[in-house]
Protein backbone atom coordinates (compact mmCIF):
# COMPACT_ATOMS: atom_id res chain seq x y z
CA MET A 1 64.02 206.06 159.42
CA PRO A 2 62.05 203.47 157.44
CA ASN A 3 58.46 204.19 156.50
CA LEU A 4 55.79 202.91 158.87
CA GLN A 5 52.82 202.32 156.56
CA ILE A 6 50.46 199.65 157.86
CA LEU A 7 46.72 199.33 158.16
CA LEU A 8 46.37 203.12 158.11
CA PRO A 9 45.11 205.59 155.54
CA ARG A 10 47.82 207.44 153.69
CA SER A 11 46.99 210.69 155.50
CA LYS A 12 48.00 209.20 158.85
CA LEU A 13 51.36 207.80 157.77
CA ASP A 14 53.33 210.96 158.45
CA LEU A 15 51.97 211.09 162.01
CA LEU A 16 53.03 207.51 162.71
CA ARG A 17 56.49 208.08 161.27
CA LEU A 18 56.80 211.22 163.33
CA VAL A 19 55.86 209.34 166.52
CA VAL A 20 58.68 206.82 166.05
CA LEU A 21 61.18 209.49 165.09
CA MET A 22 60.25 211.61 168.10
CA LEU A 23 60.37 208.59 170.36
CA LEU A 24 63.93 207.70 169.40
CA LEU A 25 65.56 211.07 168.79
CA ILE A 26 63.82 213.95 170.55
CA PRO A 27 64.28 212.75 174.18
CA ILE A 28 67.99 212.17 173.61
CA GLY A 29 68.40 215.44 171.72
CA ALA A 30 66.51 217.48 174.31
CA ALA A 31 68.39 215.88 177.19
CA THR A 32 71.75 216.43 175.51
CA LEU A 33 70.85 220.07 174.85
CA THR A 34 69.97 220.45 178.51
CA LEU A 35 73.32 218.99 179.56
CA VAL A 36 75.31 221.17 177.17
CA GLY A 37 73.41 224.25 178.26
CA SER A 38 74.00 223.48 181.91
CA ALA A 39 77.69 222.84 181.40
CA PHE A 40 78.42 225.84 179.16
CA LYS A 41 75.95 228.27 180.75
CA TRP A 42 74.04 229.05 177.60
CA HIS A 43 71.57 231.87 178.00
CA GLY A 44 67.99 230.77 178.54
CA ILE A 45 68.93 227.26 179.60
CA SER A 46 71.16 228.59 182.37
CA GLU A 47 68.25 230.58 183.75
CA LEU A 48 66.28 227.38 184.08
CA PHE A 49 68.92 225.21 185.65
CA GLY A 50 71.32 227.55 187.44
CA VAL A 51 74.76 226.53 186.17
CA ASN A 52 78.39 227.02 187.02
CA ALA A 53 80.71 228.35 184.31
CA ASN A 54 83.66 226.48 185.87
CA ALA A 55 81.91 223.11 185.82
CA PHE A 56 84.52 221.38 183.65
CA SER A 57 87.36 222.66 185.81
CA ALA A 58 85.59 221.35 188.89
CA VAL A 59 85.17 217.92 187.30
CA VAL A 60 88.81 217.65 186.27
CA ALA A 61 89.95 218.83 189.70
CA GLU A 62 87.97 216.06 191.42
CA PRO A 63 90.36 213.60 193.16
CA GLY A 64 90.71 210.41 191.15
CA PHE A 65 89.09 211.90 188.06
CA TRP A 66 91.63 210.59 185.56
CA LYS A 67 91.54 207.13 187.09
CA SER A 68 87.75 207.13 186.77
CA VAL A 69 88.14 208.10 183.12
CA GLY A 70 90.68 205.34 182.57
CA LEU A 71 88.40 202.75 184.19
CA SER A 72 85.45 203.70 182.01
CA PHE A 73 87.61 203.66 178.88
CA TRP A 74 89.30 200.31 179.38
CA ILE A 75 86.15 198.56 180.59
CA GLY A 76 84.37 199.85 177.50
CA LEU A 77 87.00 198.26 175.26
CA VAL A 78 87.91 195.02 177.02
CA THR A 79 84.30 193.90 177.46
CA PRO A 80 83.35 193.72 173.75
CA LEU A 81 86.84 192.54 172.79
CA ILE A 82 86.70 189.43 174.99
CA ALA A 83 83.00 188.74 174.54
CA LEU A 84 83.05 189.10 170.74
CA SER A 85 86.23 187.04 170.39
CA VAL A 86 84.79 184.17 172.41
CA VAL A 87 81.46 184.23 170.55
CA ILE A 88 82.91 184.44 167.05
CA ILE A 89 85.57 181.78 167.53
CA PHE A 90 83.10 179.47 169.28
CA ILE A 91 80.60 179.76 166.43
CA ALA A 92 83.38 179.29 163.88
CA ALA A 93 84.52 176.13 165.62
CA PHE A 94 81.23 174.48 166.53
CA LEU A 95 78.47 175.85 164.29
CA ASN A 96 78.05 172.58 162.43
CA SER A 97 78.52 170.32 165.46
CA SER A 98 75.71 168.16 166.78
CA GLY A 99 75.66 169.83 170.19
CA PHE A 100 75.52 173.41 168.92
CA LYS A 101 71.71 173.55 169.06
CA TRP A 102 71.86 172.75 172.78
CA VAL A 103 74.26 175.63 173.35
CA TRP A 104 71.92 177.93 171.43
CA ALA A 105 68.99 176.69 173.55
CA ILE A 106 70.90 177.44 176.77
CA MET A 107 71.88 180.91 175.60
CA LYS A 108 68.28 182.10 175.31
CA PRO A 109 67.41 181.85 179.05
CA VAL A 110 70.88 183.13 179.99
CA LEU A 111 70.17 186.18 177.82
CA ALA A 112 67.05 186.83 179.93
CA VAL A 113 69.05 187.20 183.15
CA PRO A 114 69.27 190.92 184.07
CA HIS A 115 72.74 192.43 184.39
CA ALA A 116 72.22 193.25 188.07
CA ALA A 117 71.11 189.70 188.91
CA ALA A 118 74.09 188.23 187.07
CA ALA A 119 76.40 190.63 188.92
CA PHE A 120 74.94 189.62 192.29
CA GLY A 121 75.31 185.95 191.41
CA LEU A 122 78.96 186.51 190.47
CA LEU A 123 79.47 188.43 193.70
CA PHE A 124 78.17 185.48 195.75
CA LEU A 125 80.44 183.16 193.79
CA ILE A 126 83.84 184.89 193.75
CA ALA A 127 83.81 187.04 196.89
CA PRO A 128 86.34 186.15 199.64
CA SER A 129 83.43 184.62 201.55
CA GLY A 130 81.81 183.34 198.37
CA PHE A 131 80.89 179.85 197.32
CA ILE A 132 84.16 178.99 195.58
CA ILE A 133 86.25 179.77 198.69
CA ARG A 134 83.73 177.91 200.84
CA LEU A 135 84.11 174.78 198.69
CA LEU A 136 87.88 174.90 199.15
CA SER A 137 87.81 175.66 202.87
CA PRO A 138 89.15 174.62 205.20
CA GLU A 139 90.49 171.33 203.81
CA ILE A 140 92.28 172.72 200.75
CA SER A 141 92.69 176.43 201.44
CA GLY A 142 93.14 176.19 205.20
CA PHE A 143 90.88 179.22 205.72
CA LEU A 144 88.69 179.27 208.80
CA ARG A 145 87.73 182.88 208.12
CA PRO A 146 87.24 184.68 204.81
CA PRO A 147 90.62 185.84 203.45
CA ASP A 148 91.31 189.56 203.25
CA TRP A 149 91.43 189.62 199.46
CA LEU A 150 90.21 192.50 197.34
CA ILE A 151 88.45 190.42 194.69
CA VAL A 152 85.17 192.30 194.51
CA ASN A 153 85.28 196.08 193.89
CA ASP A 154 88.98 195.75 193.03
CA PRO A 155 90.67 199.02 191.91
CA ALA A 156 91.41 197.68 188.41
CA GLY A 157 87.76 196.74 187.83
CA ILE A 158 88.56 193.12 186.89
CA SER A 159 85.49 191.62 188.61
CA PHE A 160 83.43 194.44 187.09
CA ALA A 161 84.71 193.60 183.60
CA LEU A 162 84.16 189.87 184.20
CA ALA A 163 80.50 190.44 185.04
CA LEU A 164 79.99 192.49 181.89
CA VAL A 165 81.76 189.92 179.70
CA ILE A 166 79.67 186.97 180.89
CA LYS A 167 76.48 188.96 180.26
CA GLU A 168 77.48 190.35 176.86
CA ILE A 169 78.49 186.94 175.52
CA PRO A 170 74.83 185.77 175.27
CA PHE A 171 73.79 189.06 173.66
CA LEU A 172 76.52 188.98 171.01
CA PHE A 173 75.85 185.28 170.48
CA PHE A 174 72.20 186.15 169.84
CA VAL A 175 72.87 188.96 167.34
CA THR A 176 75.49 186.86 165.53
CA MET A 177 73.08 183.97 165.14
CA ALA A 178 70.48 186.41 163.83
CA ALA A 179 72.97 187.62 161.22
CA LEU A 180 74.01 184.17 159.95
CA PRO A 181 70.98 183.55 157.69
CA GLN A 182 71.96 186.66 155.70
CA THR A 183 75.38 185.21 154.83
CA ASP A 184 76.56 182.41 152.55
CA LEU A 185 77.96 179.73 154.84
CA ARG A 186 79.15 177.70 151.86
CA ARG A 187 82.15 179.99 151.67
CA THR A 188 83.58 178.13 154.65
CA GLN A 189 83.65 174.90 152.66
CA ILE A 190 85.40 176.64 149.77
CA ALA A 191 88.05 178.07 152.10
CA ALA A 192 88.49 174.69 153.78
CA GLY A 193 88.97 173.16 150.34
CA TYR A 194 92.09 175.29 149.98
CA GLY A 195 93.56 173.73 153.10
CA HIS A 196 92.62 176.33 155.71
CA GLY A 197 91.74 175.27 159.24
CA GLN A 198 88.13 175.18 160.36
CA ILE A 199 88.20 178.35 162.46
CA TRP A 200 90.37 180.31 160.03
CA SER A 201 88.16 179.30 157.10
CA TRP A 202 85.11 180.77 158.83
CA LEU A 203 86.94 183.91 159.92
CA ILE A 204 88.22 184.85 156.47
CA SER A 205 85.14 183.83 154.46
CA VAL A 206 82.04 184.39 156.61
CA PHE A 207 82.96 186.66 159.50
CA PRO A 208 83.48 189.85 157.42
CA ALA A 209 79.88 189.69 156.17
CA VAL A 210 78.60 188.82 159.64
CA TYR A 211 80.49 191.64 161.31
CA LEU A 212 78.98 194.22 158.98
CA GLN A 213 75.58 193.21 160.34
CA ILE A 214 76.51 193.07 164.03
CA ARG A 215 78.72 196.16 164.07
CA LEU A 216 76.07 198.43 165.57
CA PRO A 217 75.25 195.96 168.39
CA VAL A 218 78.98 195.77 169.14
CA PHE A 219 79.09 199.56 169.33
CA ALA A 220 76.11 199.39 171.69
CA VAL A 221 78.08 197.04 173.95
CA ILE A 222 80.98 199.51 173.99
CA ALA A 223 78.64 202.36 174.95
CA PHE A 224 76.95 200.30 177.65
CA ALA A 225 80.15 198.91 179.17
CA SER A 226 81.84 202.31 179.31
CA SER A 227 78.93 203.94 181.13
CA THR A 228 76.92 201.29 182.98
CA VAL A 229 75.69 202.14 186.46
CA ASP A 230 73.95 199.14 188.04
CA VAL A 231 76.76 196.62 187.54
CA ALA A 232 79.33 199.24 188.58
CA LEU A 233 77.44 199.85 191.83
CA ILE A 234 77.60 196.13 192.61
CA LEU A 235 81.08 195.10 191.46
CA GLY A 236 82.87 198.25 190.32
CA PRO A 237 85.76 200.00 192.06
CA VAL A 238 84.82 202.33 194.90
CA ALA A 239 87.63 204.85 195.36
CA PRO A 240 87.58 206.20 192.74
CA PRO A 241 84.57 204.68 191.00
CA PRO A 242 83.92 204.65 187.24
CA LEU A 243 82.91 208.08 185.97
CA SER A 244 79.26 207.05 185.53
CA ILE A 245 78.94 206.39 189.27
CA GLN A 246 80.54 209.71 190.12
CA ILE A 247 78.08 211.47 187.79
CA LEU A 248 75.15 209.76 189.53
CA ARG A 249 76.46 210.92 192.91
CA TRP A 250 76.68 214.51 191.70
CA MET A 251 73.16 214.28 190.28
CA ASN A 252 71.79 213.13 193.63
CA ASP A 253 73.81 215.60 195.68
CA PRO A 254 71.58 217.98 197.69
CA ASP A 255 73.94 220.82 196.77
CA LEU A 256 72.32 222.31 193.65
CA ALA A 257 75.71 223.59 192.45
CA LYS A 258 76.67 219.96 191.79
CA GLY A 259 74.09 219.83 188.99
CA SER A 260 76.27 221.74 186.54
CA ILE A 261 79.27 219.61 187.55
CA ALA A 262 77.23 216.48 186.80
CA ALA A 263 76.25 217.95 183.41
CA ALA A 264 79.87 218.68 182.52
CA ALA A 265 80.92 215.19 183.63
CA ALA A 266 78.13 213.68 181.53
CA ILE A 267 79.51 215.44 178.46
CA ILE A 268 82.94 214.08 179.31
CA GLN A 269 81.35 210.63 179.57
CA ILE A 270 80.06 211.01 176.02
CA GLY A 271 83.61 211.93 174.98
CA ILE A 272 84.98 208.80 176.68
CA THR A 273 82.48 206.60 174.86
CA LEU A 274 83.29 208.29 171.55
CA LEU A 275 87.00 207.78 172.21
CA ALA A 276 86.38 204.11 172.94
CA LEU A 277 84.39 203.81 169.70
CA LEU A 278 87.16 205.58 167.77
CA THR A 279 89.77 203.25 169.29
CA TRP A 280 87.64 200.27 168.31
CA TRP A 281 87.33 201.63 164.76
CA ILE A 282 91.12 201.94 164.54
CA GLY A 283 91.40 198.41 165.89
CA GLU A 284 89.05 197.18 163.15
CA HIS A 285 91.41 198.49 160.48
CA ILE A 286 94.46 196.99 162.22
CA VAL A 287 92.79 193.57 162.45
CA LEU A 288 91.67 193.83 158.82
CA HIS A 289 95.24 194.62 157.72
CA LEU A 290 96.68 191.72 159.74
CA ALA A 291 94.06 189.29 158.41
CA ARG A 292 94.77 190.31 154.83
CA MET A 293 98.48 189.95 155.40
CA ALA A 294 97.98 186.45 156.85
CA ALA A 295 95.76 185.43 153.93
CA VAL A 296 98.18 186.78 151.32
CA ARG A 297 101.09 184.97 152.93
CA GLY A 298 99.15 181.72 152.80
CA TRP A 299 98.78 181.09 156.53
CA ARG A 300 96.22 178.35 157.03
CA PHE A 301 96.11 177.73 160.81
CA LYS A 302 95.12 174.10 160.32
CA ARG A 303 96.10 172.98 163.82
CA ASP A 304 93.35 174.61 165.84
CA LEU A 305 92.15 171.75 168.04
CA ALA A 306 93.74 173.17 171.20
CA PHE A 307 92.31 176.58 170.41
CA ARG A 308 88.83 175.12 169.96
CA ILE A 309 89.04 173.36 173.30
CA PHE A 310 90.21 176.59 174.97
CA VAL A 311 87.38 178.67 173.52
CA ALA A 312 84.80 176.00 174.38
CA SER A 313 86.11 176.05 177.96
CA ILE A 314 85.79 179.84 178.16
CA MET A 315 82.23 179.66 176.83
CA ALA A 316 81.32 176.94 179.31
CA ILE A 317 82.81 178.95 182.19
CA ALA A 318 80.92 182.10 181.16
CA VAL A 319 77.57 180.33 180.96
CA GLY A 320 78.36 178.32 184.08
CA LEU A 321 79.13 181.45 186.09
CA VAL A 322 75.71 182.89 185.26
CA CYS A 323 73.89 179.63 186.02
CA PHE A 324 75.75 178.99 189.27
CA GLY A 325 75.18 182.60 190.24
CA ILE A 326 71.42 182.19 189.85
CA ALA A 327 71.57 179.01 191.94
CA LEU A 328 73.37 180.97 194.67
CA LEU A 329 70.62 183.58 194.61
CA VAL A 330 68.20 180.77 195.45
CA LEU A 331 70.44 179.50 198.27
CA TRP A 332 70.89 182.92 199.86
CA SER A 333 67.19 183.73 199.63
CA LEU A 334 66.47 180.59 201.68
CA ALA A 335 69.49 180.74 203.99
CA GLY A 336 69.12 181.19 207.72
CA VAL A 337 72.42 180.66 209.50
CA TRP A 338 75.27 180.23 206.98
CA ARG A 339 78.62 180.55 208.66
CA PHE A 340 81.93 180.49 206.86
CA PRO A 341 83.39 178.05 205.74
CA ASN A 342 80.25 175.90 205.49
CA ALA A 343 79.41 175.12 201.87
CA LEU A 344 75.65 175.10 202.54
CA PRO A 345 73.41 176.89 205.05
CA GLU A 346 73.00 175.31 208.43
CA ILE A 347 69.39 176.48 208.66
CA TRP A 348 66.90 176.93 205.85
CA THR A 349 64.12 179.48 206.19
CA PHE A 350 61.57 181.54 204.25
CA LYS A 351 62.06 184.46 206.61
CA SER A 352 63.43 186.78 203.92
CA TRP A 353 60.52 186.01 201.61
CA ILE A 354 57.92 186.45 204.35
CA SER A 355 59.35 189.71 205.70
CA GLN A 356 59.65 191.26 202.24
CA PHE A 357 56.53 189.74 200.69
CA GLN A 358 54.49 192.93 200.46
CA ASN A 359 57.31 195.00 198.97
CA LEU A 360 58.23 192.19 196.59
CA VAL A 361 54.67 192.08 195.30
CA GLU A 362 54.39 195.86 194.96
CA THR A 363 57.73 196.44 193.24
CA GLY A 364 57.45 193.26 191.18
CA TRP A 365 53.96 194.15 189.97
CA ARG A 366 55.03 197.70 189.11
CA ALA A 367 58.03 196.39 187.18
CA THR A 368 55.77 193.93 185.37
CA LYS A 369 53.28 196.66 184.40
CA ILE A 370 56.01 198.95 183.09
CA ALA A 371 57.72 196.14 181.18
CA PHE A 372 54.48 194.77 179.73
CA ILE A 373 53.21 198.13 178.50
CA SER A 374 56.55 199.28 177.08
CA SER A 375 57.12 195.93 175.36
CA ALA A 376 53.60 195.84 173.92
CA LEU A 377 53.82 199.37 172.54
CA SER A 378 57.30 198.72 171.15
CA LEU A 379 56.06 195.52 169.49
CA MET A 380 53.16 197.39 167.87
CA LEU A 381 55.52 200.00 166.44
CA VAL A 382 57.96 197.35 165.21
CA LEU A 383 55.19 195.33 163.52
CA ALA A 384 53.95 198.49 161.84
CA ASN A 385 57.44 199.32 160.66
CA LEU A 386 58.20 195.84 159.32
CA GLU A 387 54.87 195.46 157.56
CA ASN A 388 55.39 198.76 155.80
CA GLU A 389 58.85 197.68 154.69
CA HIS A 390 57.27 194.61 153.12
CA ARG A 391 54.40 196.47 151.43
CA SER A 392 56.65 199.23 150.14
CA ASN A 393 59.37 196.74 149.13
CA ILE A 394 62.09 198.69 150.96
CA ARG A 395 64.96 197.78 153.20
CA PRO A 396 66.22 199.86 156.12
CA THR A 397 69.11 202.05 155.08
CA ARG A 398 72.29 202.44 157.10
CA LEU A 399 70.93 205.76 158.39
CA ALA A 400 67.76 203.99 159.52
CA TRP A 401 69.75 201.42 161.50
CA TRP A 402 71.79 204.19 163.12
CA THR A 403 68.54 205.94 164.07
CA ILE A 404 67.17 202.77 165.62
CA PHE A 405 70.35 202.15 167.62
CA ILE A 406 71.01 205.73 168.78
CA PRO A 407 69.39 205.09 172.20
CA LEU A 408 71.86 202.25 172.71
CA LEU A 409 74.88 204.18 171.44
CA VAL A 410 74.50 207.21 173.71
CA PRO A 411 75.53 206.55 177.35
CA GLN A 412 72.42 206.45 179.53
CA ILE A 413 74.01 208.50 182.30
CA ALA A 414 74.85 211.19 179.74
CA PHE A 415 71.27 212.05 178.85
CA MET A 416 69.09 210.59 181.62
CA GLY A 417 70.05 213.39 183.97
CA GLY A 418 69.06 216.05 181.46
CA LEU A 419 65.88 214.15 180.61
CA SER A 420 64.90 213.92 184.28
CA VAL A 421 65.33 217.71 184.66
CA LEU A 422 63.31 218.26 181.50
CA PHE A 423 60.52 215.98 182.74
CA LEU A 424 60.58 217.81 186.07
CA ARG A 425 60.09 221.17 184.33
CA LEU A 426 57.24 219.69 182.29
CA GLY A 427 55.64 218.29 185.43
CA ILE A 428 55.59 214.68 184.21
CA ASP A 429 58.44 213.21 186.26
CA GLY A 430 57.76 210.46 188.77
CA THR A 431 54.76 209.05 186.88
CA LEU A 432 54.29 205.52 185.63
CA TRP A 433 53.76 206.65 182.05
CA SER A 434 56.90 208.77 182.00
CA VAL A 435 58.90 205.69 183.01
CA VAL A 436 57.11 203.64 180.34
CA LEU A 437 57.93 206.25 177.70
CA VAL A 438 61.64 206.17 178.55
CA HIS A 439 61.69 202.37 178.66
CA ILE A 440 60.26 202.24 175.13
CA ILE A 441 63.32 204.16 173.93
CA PHE A 442 65.51 201.22 174.96
CA VAL A 443 63.08 198.36 174.32
CA PHE A 444 62.22 199.30 170.72
CA PRO A 445 65.72 198.62 169.25
CA TYR A 446 65.91 195.15 170.81
CA VAL A 447 62.43 194.18 169.66
CA TYR A 448 63.18 195.40 166.14
CA LEU A 449 66.52 193.58 166.04
CA THR A 450 64.89 190.34 167.23
CA LEU A 451 61.94 190.36 164.86
CA ALA A 452 63.47 191.82 161.69
CA ASP A 453 65.16 188.65 160.45
CA PRO A 454 62.23 186.22 160.97
CA TRP A 455 59.94 188.80 159.40
CA ASN A 456 62.11 189.24 156.32
CA ALA A 457 62.67 185.48 156.03
CA PHE A 458 58.91 184.82 155.89
CA ASP A 459 57.78 182.98 152.75
CA THR A 460 55.62 185.61 151.06
CA ARG A 461 54.04 183.00 148.80
CA TYR A 462 51.55 182.42 151.61
CA LEU A 463 50.46 186.05 151.23
CA ASN A 464 50.29 185.74 147.44
CA VAL A 465 47.96 182.76 147.76
CA ALA A 466 45.81 184.67 150.25
CA ARG A 467 45.49 187.64 147.90
CA THR A 468 44.68 185.27 145.04
CA LEU A 469 41.79 183.97 147.15
CA GLY A 470 40.48 187.49 147.63
CA LYS A 471 42.08 188.45 150.95
CA SER A 472 43.09 192.08 151.38
CA ASP A 473 46.57 193.05 152.55
CA ASN A 474 45.19 193.82 155.99
CA ARG A 475 43.42 190.47 156.36
CA ALA A 476 46.48 188.65 155.06
CA PHE A 477 48.51 190.47 157.71
CA TRP A 478 46.19 189.53 160.58
CA GLU A 479 45.13 186.05 159.44
CA ILE A 480 48.24 184.71 157.70
CA ARG A 481 51.47 186.46 158.63
CA LEU A 482 50.88 187.08 162.34
CA PRO A 483 49.69 183.54 163.17
CA ILE A 484 52.58 181.93 161.31
CA LEU A 485 55.10 184.26 162.99
CA LEU A 486 53.54 183.87 166.44
CA ALA A 487 56.64 182.26 167.92
CA PRO A 488 59.20 184.94 166.91
CA ILE A 489 56.71 187.70 167.77
CA LEU A 490 56.27 186.35 171.29
CA GLY A 491 60.03 185.84 171.55
CA ALA A 492 60.64 189.47 170.62
CA PHE A 493 58.06 190.56 173.19
CA ALA A 494 59.74 188.43 175.87
CA LEU A 495 63.14 189.94 175.08
CA GLY A 496 61.68 193.43 175.24
CA PHE A 497 60.11 192.56 178.59
CA ALA A 498 63.49 191.39 179.89
CA VAL A 499 65.19 194.57 178.67
CA SER A 500 62.60 196.70 180.45
CA ILE A 501 62.87 194.74 183.69
CA ALA A 502 66.64 195.28 183.68
CA GLN A 503 66.43 199.08 183.31
CA TYR A 504 67.85 200.64 186.46
CA LEU A 505 69.00 204.18 185.72
CA PRO A 506 65.98 205.29 183.63
CA THR A 507 63.62 203.96 186.30
CA LEU A 508 65.59 205.60 189.10
CA LEU A 509 65.94 209.06 187.55
CA ILE A 510 62.72 209.40 185.56
CA GLY A 511 60.70 207.70 188.29
CA ALA A 512 62.23 210.20 190.75
CA GLY A 513 62.07 207.60 193.51
CA ARG A 514 58.27 207.41 193.27
CA GLN A 515 58.13 204.41 190.94
CA PRO A 516 60.40 201.84 192.62
CA THR A 517 60.69 198.51 190.84
CA ILE A 518 62.22 195.20 191.74
CA THR A 519 65.41 196.28 189.93
CA THR A 520 65.90 199.58 191.74
CA GLU A 521 65.22 197.86 195.06
CA ALA A 522 67.71 195.06 194.33
CA VAL A 523 70.52 197.43 193.32
CA ALA A 524 69.82 199.66 196.34
CA LEU A 525 70.41 196.65 198.59
CA ALA A 526 73.96 196.28 197.22
CA SER A 527 75.25 198.95 199.61
CA GLY A 528 73.68 197.20 202.61
CA GLY A 529 75.42 193.87 202.22
CA ASN A 530 72.43 191.77 203.38
CA ARG A 531 72.91 188.78 201.11
CA ARG A 532 69.62 187.16 202.07
CA LEU A 533 67.61 190.18 200.96
CA ILE A 534 69.80 190.67 197.89
CA GLY A 535 69.26 187.04 196.92
CA THR A 536 65.50 187.38 197.34
CA TYR A 537 65.10 190.54 195.28
CA ALA A 538 67.60 189.53 192.58
CA LEU A 539 65.90 186.15 192.23
CA VAL A 540 62.50 187.76 191.69
CA GLN A 541 64.11 190.12 189.18
CA THR A 542 65.43 187.07 187.32
CA LEU A 543 62.22 185.05 187.50
CA LEU A 544 60.02 187.71 185.90
CA PRO A 545 61.73 187.59 182.46
CA PHE A 546 62.01 183.79 182.73
CA VAL A 547 58.23 183.51 183.10
CA PHE A 548 57.63 185.47 179.91
CA PHE A 549 60.31 183.58 177.99
CA ALA A 550 58.69 180.34 179.10
CA LEU A 551 55.29 181.60 177.98
CA ALA A 552 56.75 182.71 174.65
CA SER A 553 57.99 179.17 174.14
CA LEU A 554 54.88 177.41 175.47
CA VAL A 555 52.05 179.43 173.89
CA PRO A 556 52.88 178.56 170.24
CA LYS A 557 53.04 174.87 171.12
CA ILE A 558 49.59 175.05 172.71
CA ALA A 559 48.11 177.29 170.01
CA TRP A 560 49.41 175.13 167.16
CA ASN A 561 49.08 171.75 168.82
CA ASN A 562 46.94 170.60 165.91
CA ARG A 563 49.12 172.37 163.33
CA ARG A 564 52.57 170.99 163.90
CA ALA A 565 53.96 172.55 160.74
CA LEU A 566 53.50 175.99 162.34
CA LEU A 567 55.75 175.17 165.28
CA PRO A 568 59.14 176.95 165.30
CA THR A 569 61.11 173.75 164.72
CA ARG A 570 59.20 173.13 161.51
CA MET A 571 59.02 176.71 160.29
CA GLY A 572 62.75 177.28 160.77
CA GLN A 573 62.13 180.22 163.07
């Protein structure tokens, strides 16, 4: 882990480093130890948790177990494969185009949409009684009633995978754009000078360097897709469900004997994620071999116009699905009577908002408090870390990056159960601060990833001038660096806020049902099927991050209204 020296006497540095290390590693390690002890009936741990020695046999004997494993495995692979392919080829084709900056501007608010809200929007769009079928009925489709089609919750998990793909595209787009300044884009021109096509030139000259930087985020996508819970509850298969859903059911089962079964299944879930990562690693080497073979044989792929149009269409569809989905959340939250096949509601009403107003305020405010505190604390730790890297003239090692990303690489369902039991034994479960602590584990990596590149790209000559004029390192930090980097700092905070708002499983298990947020309430409504309430709660869940992203964009413009050179467009941030 990188050093964390900043504004503190030398004697306190070890304590600060220890805090970050404990924050990222100890909860996961302790929870994993709890799971392993419960599953294997280790002495001492078994006395605490009461385990079953035949837990693994019970898991494997569960009807539909192998299909659940297969679902988790293939979803974990297909999601990053499609999302990364679309993002990389789109950037290769259109990075230097005049409209690319507008695409990048659209991606930022799309990134703020929580996974659950995007899944609900997709549900309202593609369901048999969804908006697409309504637009085609009855004139084109001939349907007077919703068709009996298994589109949502299909056994193959196609709608589930689609929801994950359209949400991971903005994330991978974001991390790829963050990696571009660290690469030499002139290589594309050199490759094009040898007669290679535009896309192929970028893939063979720039993409290898970019991929080295985004590899860990891609691994995080694999881990998330193979073990996600909230999206699976909304759009995933039901009988059998993905393994993560089955684990959650065993965790919540009133039969205490199911606890050891859940622990064994959680360990199997870790194995599935590791297998998916290993398969991806093998795929990396296969793709590398094929690319080298194509380059050696002189393949140039000059005719790529049709391919560019195809990829642009896929990108437009992905972004459009999220945007239309959010619009449908608005419609359903205001819908009174909306019979099929009418394209729009017959009656508009605020009944859903009025009836749920008190709970919306309570759960929304609680979610805001948790997200604000966890994002603020994460931002403080990240600023401390980055400032120390600058003062010590060090760069994070590969081990440091792995440490930072460990919370995103370990399936949440695999250690949240053990962590909830541990918190219960310590008597700190169900409290606001316990939820905040767990949220920081997931918010910190995103805030660090967002802020690291603008921080390292900062022109340190400003600091040299300040020190020449007698400013100390601390005053230069507070009076020079922070004001100039206000925009990316607020952007990192807004992203951390959005990540916290979207946390479902940590809030559900660590909060022990006593700290409900807008996210846990929205996902809980998925089983009820009341689209008006779902639309209301999911829309509030979406609006909260949007407010902070808007503030992150607006505040620098107001603060530096008389210093236009400090605005992001001028500073290149």
